[in-house]
């Protein structure tokens, strides 16, 4: 089960970032293959967030991020944050 781990650095207003990220999460959670999502905020560096999203398979995630609905929401959030996403698989 692939997990997307995304490190996000907020460069704008945190509340606006969280609102926009919520729009992405709401959209992605309605896509086939989506399992769940968690969001963490650094205590030491409150401008740093870590997002985890689990998917049934990598293909489902790829289809979701290729959609115009996802791309539109990413364009919005890129004004207030930079992202470093990657896809991981469990080893144990």
N, C-alpha and C. Protein backbone atom coordinates (compact mmCIF):
# COMPACT_ATOMS: atom_id res chain seq x y z
N UNK A 1 0.84 -1.17 0.00
CA UNK A 1 0.00 0.00 0.00
C UNK A 1 0.90 1.24 0.00
N UNK A 2 0.94 1.99 -1.10
CA UNK A 2 1.80 3.16 -1.17
C UNK A 2 1.31 4.29 -0.27
N UNK A 3 2.27 5.02 0.28
CA UNK A 3 1.97 6.18 1.11
C UNK A 3 2.66 7.39 0.51
N UNK A 4 1.89 8.45 0.33
CA UNK A 4 2.45 9.70 -0.12
C UNK A 4 2.87 10.47 1.13
N UNK A 5 4.12 10.88 1.17
CA UNK A 5 4.61 11.71 2.27
C UNK A 5 5.03 13.04 1.66
N UNK A 6 4.40 14.08 2.13
CA UNK A 6 4.59 15.40 1.55
C UNK A 6 5.01 16.37 2.64
N UNK A 7 6.19 16.94 2.49
CA UNK A 7 6.67 17.98 3.42
C UNK A 7 6.27 19.31 2.80
N UNK A 8 5.55 20.11 3.56
CA UNK A 8 5.05 21.39 3.08
C UNK A 8 5.61 22.53 3.92
N UNK A 9 6.16 23.52 3.27
CA UNK A 9 6.66 24.71 3.95
C UNK A 9 5.69 25.85 3.64
N UNK A 10 5.07 26.36 4.68
CA UNK A 10 4.08 27.42 4.51
C UNK A 10 4.80 28.77 4.43
N UNK A 11 4.55 29.48 3.35
CA UNK A 11 5.14 30.79 3.13
C UNK A 11 4.11 31.91 3.27
N UNK A 12 2.85 31.52 3.39
CA UNK A 12 1.76 32.49 3.52
C UNK A 12 1.07 32.33 4.87
N UNK A 13 -0.17 32.76 4.91
CA UNK A 13 -0.99 32.70 6.13
C UNK A 13 -1.35 31.24 6.43
N UNK A 14 -1.02 30.72 7.63
CA UNK A 14 -1.30 29.31 7.95
C UNK A 14 -2.78 28.92 7.82
N UNK A 15 -3.68 29.79 8.23
CA UNK A 15 -5.11 29.44 8.13
C UNK A 15 -5.54 29.28 6.68
N UNK A 16 -5.02 30.14 5.82
CA UNK A 16 -5.34 30.03 4.39
C UNK A 16 -4.75 28.74 3.82
N UNK A 17 -3.52 28.44 4.20
CA UNK A 17 -2.90 27.18 3.78
C UNK A 17 -3.76 25.99 4.20
N UNK A 18 -4.16 25.95 5.46
CA UNK A 18 -4.96 24.82 5.96
C UNK A 18 -6.31 24.73 5.24
N UNK A 19 -6.91 25.87 4.93
CA UNK A 19 -8.17 25.87 4.19
C UNK A 19 -7.98 25.28 2.79
N UNK A 20 -6.93 25.73 2.10
CA UNK A 20 -6.68 25.25 0.75
C UNK A 20 -6.28 23.77 0.75
N UNK A 21 -5.49 23.36 1.73
CA UNK A 21 -5.13 21.95 1.83
C UNK A 21 -6.37 21.11 2.10
N UNK A 22 -7.27 21.63 2.89
CA UNK A 22 -8.53 20.93 3.15
C UNK A 22 -9.32 20.70 1.87
N UNK A 23 -9.29 21.65 0.96
CA UNK A 23 -9.96 21.49 -0.33
C UNK A 23 -9.32 20.35 -1.14
N UNK A 24 -7.99 20.28 -1.09
CA UNK A 24 -7.31 19.20 -1.81
C UNK A 24 -7.65 17.86 -1.18
N UNK A 25 -7.61 17.80 0.14
CA UNK A 25 -7.91 16.55 0.85
C UNK A 25 -9.34 16.10 0.58
N UNK A 26 -10.27 17.03 0.60
CA UNK A 26 -11.66 16.69 0.32
C UNK A 26 -11.80 16.11 -1.09
N UNK A 27 -11.14 16.73 -2.05
CA UNK A 27 -11.18 16.24 -3.43
C UNK A 27 -10.54 14.85 -3.54
N UNK A 28 -9.35 14.71 -2.99
CA UNK A 28 -8.62 13.45 -3.12
C UNK A 28 -9.34 12.31 -2.41
N UNK A 29 -9.99 12.60 -1.29
CA UNK A 29 -10.68 11.54 -0.56
C UNK A 29 -11.87 10.98 -1.33
N UNK A 30 -12.31 11.69 -2.35
CA UNK A 30 -13.42 11.19 -3.17
C UNK A 30 -12.92 10.40 -4.39
N UNK A 31 -11.61 10.30 -4.55
CA UNK A 31 -11.04 9.60 -5.71
C UNK A 31 -10.91 8.11 -5.44
N UNK A 32 -11.11 7.29 -6.49
CA UNK A 32 -10.96 5.84 -6.33
C UNK A 32 -9.55 5.47 -5.86
N UNK A 33 -9.47 4.59 -4.89
CA UNK A 33 -8.19 4.11 -4.39
C UNK A 33 -7.68 4.85 -3.16
N UNK A 34 -8.27 5.99 -2.83
CA UNK A 34 -7.85 6.75 -1.65
C UNK A 34 -8.25 5.97 -0.39
N UNK A 35 -7.33 5.89 0.58
CA UNK A 35 -7.63 5.18 1.83
C UNK A 35 -7.79 6.16 2.99
N UNK A 36 -6.73 6.92 3.30
CA UNK A 36 -6.84 7.87 4.40
C UNK A 36 -5.76 8.92 4.32
N UNK A 37 -5.86 9.89 5.23
CA UNK A 37 -4.98 11.06 5.21
C UNK A 37 -4.74 11.52 6.64
N UNK A 38 -3.51 11.96 6.90
CA UNK A 38 -3.17 12.57 8.19
C UNK A 38 -2.32 13.80 7.93
N UNK A 39 -2.47 14.79 8.78
CA UNK A 39 -1.68 16.01 8.65
C UNK A 39 -1.03 16.31 10.00
N UNK A 40 0.25 16.65 9.96
CA UNK A 40 1.02 16.98 11.15
C UNK A 40 1.64 18.36 10.97
N UNK A 41 1.75 19.08 12.08
CA UNK A 41 2.41 20.38 12.07
C UNK A 41 3.56 20.33 13.06
N UNK A 42 4.72 20.82 12.64
CA UNK A 42 5.89 20.83 13.50
C UNK A 42 5.68 21.74 14.70
N UNK A 43 6.05 21.27 15.86
CA UNK A 43 6.00 22.09 17.07
C UNK A 43 7.17 23.06 17.07
N UNK A 44 8.31 22.57 16.66
CA UNK A 44 9.52 23.39 16.65
C UNK A 44 9.49 24.43 15.54
N UNK A 45 8.98 24.05 14.38
CA UNK A 45 8.89 24.96 13.22
C UNK A 45 7.45 24.97 12.71
N UNK A 46 6.60 25.84 13.23
CA UNK A 46 5.18 25.80 12.89
C UNK A 46 4.86 26.10 11.42
N UNK A 47 5.86 26.49 10.64
CA UNK A 47 5.63 26.70 9.20
C UNK A 47 5.84 25.40 8.41
N UNK A 48 6.20 24.31 9.09
CA UNK A 48 6.46 23.03 8.43
C UNK A 48 5.35 22.04 8.78
N UNK A 49 4.77 21.47 7.73
CA UNK A 49 3.73 20.45 7.88
C UNK A 49 4.19 19.19 7.19
N UNK A 50 3.72 18.06 7.68
CA UNK A 50 3.92 16.77 7.02
C UNK A 50 2.54 16.17 6.78
N UNK A 51 2.33 15.76 5.55
CA UNK A 51 1.05 15.17 5.15
C UNK A 51 1.31 13.73 4.73
N UNK A 52 0.49 12.81 5.22
CA UNK A 52 0.56 11.41 4.84
C UNK A 52 -0.76 11.03 4.19
N UNK A 53 -0.70 10.38 3.05
CA UNK A 53 -1.92 9.90 2.39
C UNK A 53 -1.66 8.49 1.88
N UNK A 54 -2.53 7.58 2.27
CA UNK A 54 -2.37 6.19 1.82
C UNK A 54 -3.35 5.90 0.69
N UNK A 55 -2.85 5.15 -0.27
CA UNK A 55 -3.62 4.79 -1.46
C UNK A 55 -3.59 3.29 -1.67
N UNK A 56 -4.62 2.77 -2.30
CA UNK A 56 -4.70 1.34 -2.59
C UNK A 56 -3.52 0.90 -3.47
N UNK A 57 -3.18 1.73 -4.46
CA UNK A 57 -2.07 1.43 -5.35
C UNK A 57 -1.55 2.73 -5.97
N UNK A 58 -0.34 2.69 -6.50
CA UNK A 58 0.28 3.88 -7.07
C UNK A 58 -0.49 4.38 -8.29
N UNK A 59 -1.09 3.49 -9.04
CA UNK A 59 -1.83 3.88 -10.23
C UNK A 59 -3.03 4.76 -9.88
N UNK A 60 -3.73 4.43 -8.81
CA UNK A 60 -4.86 5.24 -8.37
C UNK A 60 -4.41 6.65 -8.03
N UNK A 61 -3.30 6.75 -7.33
CA UNK A 61 -2.76 8.07 -6.98
C UNK A 61 -2.36 8.83 -8.24
N UNK A 62 -1.70 8.18 -9.17
CA UNK A 62 -1.28 8.84 -10.40
C UNK A 62 -2.47 9.38 -11.19
N UNK A 63 -3.55 8.59 -11.27
CA UNK A 63 -4.75 9.07 -11.96
C UNK A 63 -5.32 10.30 -11.26
N UNK A 64 -5.34 10.26 -9.94
CA UNK A 64 -5.91 11.38 -9.18
C UNK A 64 -5.10 12.67 -9.39
N UNK A 65 -3.77 12.58 -9.36
CA UNK A 65 -2.97 13.80 -9.51
C UNK A 65 -2.92 14.29 -10.95
N UNK A 66 -3.30 13.45 -11.89
CA UNK A 66 -3.36 13.87 -13.29
C UNK A 66 -4.66 14.60 -13.62
N UNK A 67 -5.62 14.57 -12.71
CA UNK A 67 -6.93 15.17 -12.97
C UNK A 67 -6.87 16.70 -12.90
N UNK A 68 -7.72 17.34 -13.66
CA UNK A 68 -7.78 18.80 -13.64
C UNK A 68 -8.25 19.32 -12.28
N UNK A 69 -9.12 18.58 -11.60
CA UNK A 69 -9.58 18.99 -10.28
C UNK A 69 -8.43 19.12 -9.28
N UNK A 70 -7.51 18.18 -9.33
CA UNK A 70 -6.34 18.24 -8.45
C UNK A 70 -5.42 19.38 -8.86
N UNK A 71 -5.12 19.48 -10.15
CA UNK A 71 -4.20 20.51 -10.63
C UNK A 71 -4.69 21.91 -10.30
N UNK A 72 -5.99 22.13 -10.41
CA UNK A 72 -6.56 23.44 -10.07
C UNK A 72 -6.31 23.78 -8.62
N UNK A 73 -6.52 22.83 -7.72
CA UNK A 73 -6.34 23.07 -6.30
C UNK A 73 -4.87 23.27 -5.94
N UNK A 74 -3.98 22.56 -6.62
CA UNK A 74 -2.54 22.72 -6.37
C UNK A 74 -2.07 24.11 -6.80
N UNK A 75 -2.61 24.60 -7.91
CA UNK A 75 -2.24 25.96 -8.33
C UNK A 75 -2.61 26.97 -7.25
N UNK A 76 -3.75 26.79 -6.61
CA UNK A 76 -4.18 27.71 -5.55
C UNK A 76 -3.24 27.67 -4.35
N UNK A 77 -2.91 26.46 -3.90
CA UNK A 77 -2.12 26.34 -2.67
C UNK A 77 -0.66 26.73 -2.90
N UNK A 78 -0.19 26.68 -4.14
CA UNK A 78 1.21 27.01 -4.40
C UNK A 78 1.52 28.48 -4.11
N UNK A 79 0.49 29.30 -3.96
CA UNK A 79 0.71 30.70 -3.60
C UNK A 79 1.07 30.87 -2.13
N UNK A 80 0.78 29.87 -1.30
CA UNK A 80 1.03 30.00 0.14
C UNK A 80 1.94 28.92 0.72
N UNK A 81 2.40 27.98 -0.12
CA UNK A 81 3.25 26.90 0.40
C UNK A 81 4.06 26.26 -0.73
N UNK A 82 5.19 25.68 -0.35
CA UNK A 82 5.95 24.86 -1.28
C UNK A 82 5.88 23.41 -0.78
N UNK A 83 5.87 22.49 -1.73
CA UNK A 83 5.69 21.08 -1.38
C UNK A 83 6.87 20.24 -1.87
N UNK A 84 7.16 19.20 -1.09
CA UNK A 84 8.19 18.21 -1.45
C UNK A 84 7.58 16.82 -1.31
N UNK A 85 6.69 16.43 -2.26
CA UNK A 85 6.03 15.12 -2.15
C UNK A 85 6.88 13.99 -2.71
N UNK A 86 6.64 12.80 -2.19
CA UNK A 86 7.24 11.58 -2.74
C UNK A 86 6.34 10.42 -2.36
N UNK A 87 6.49 9.32 -3.07
CA UNK A 87 5.67 8.13 -2.80
C UNK A 87 6.58 7.06 -2.21
N UNK A 88 6.10 6.43 -1.15
CA UNK A 88 6.89 5.44 -0.40
C UNK A 88 6.11 4.13 -0.31
N UNK A 89 6.86 3.05 -0.15
CA UNK A 89 6.24 1.75 0.08
C UNK A 89 6.82 1.16 1.37
N UNK A 90 6.00 0.45 2.12
CA UNK A 90 6.51 -0.12 3.37
C UNK A 90 7.50 -1.26 3.11
N UNK A 91 8.51 -1.37 3.94
CA UNK A 91 9.49 -2.44 3.82
C UNK A 91 9.27 -3.53 4.84
N UNK A 92 8.51 -3.25 5.87
CA UNK A 92 8.26 -4.30 6.87
C UNK A 92 6.85 -4.19 7.39
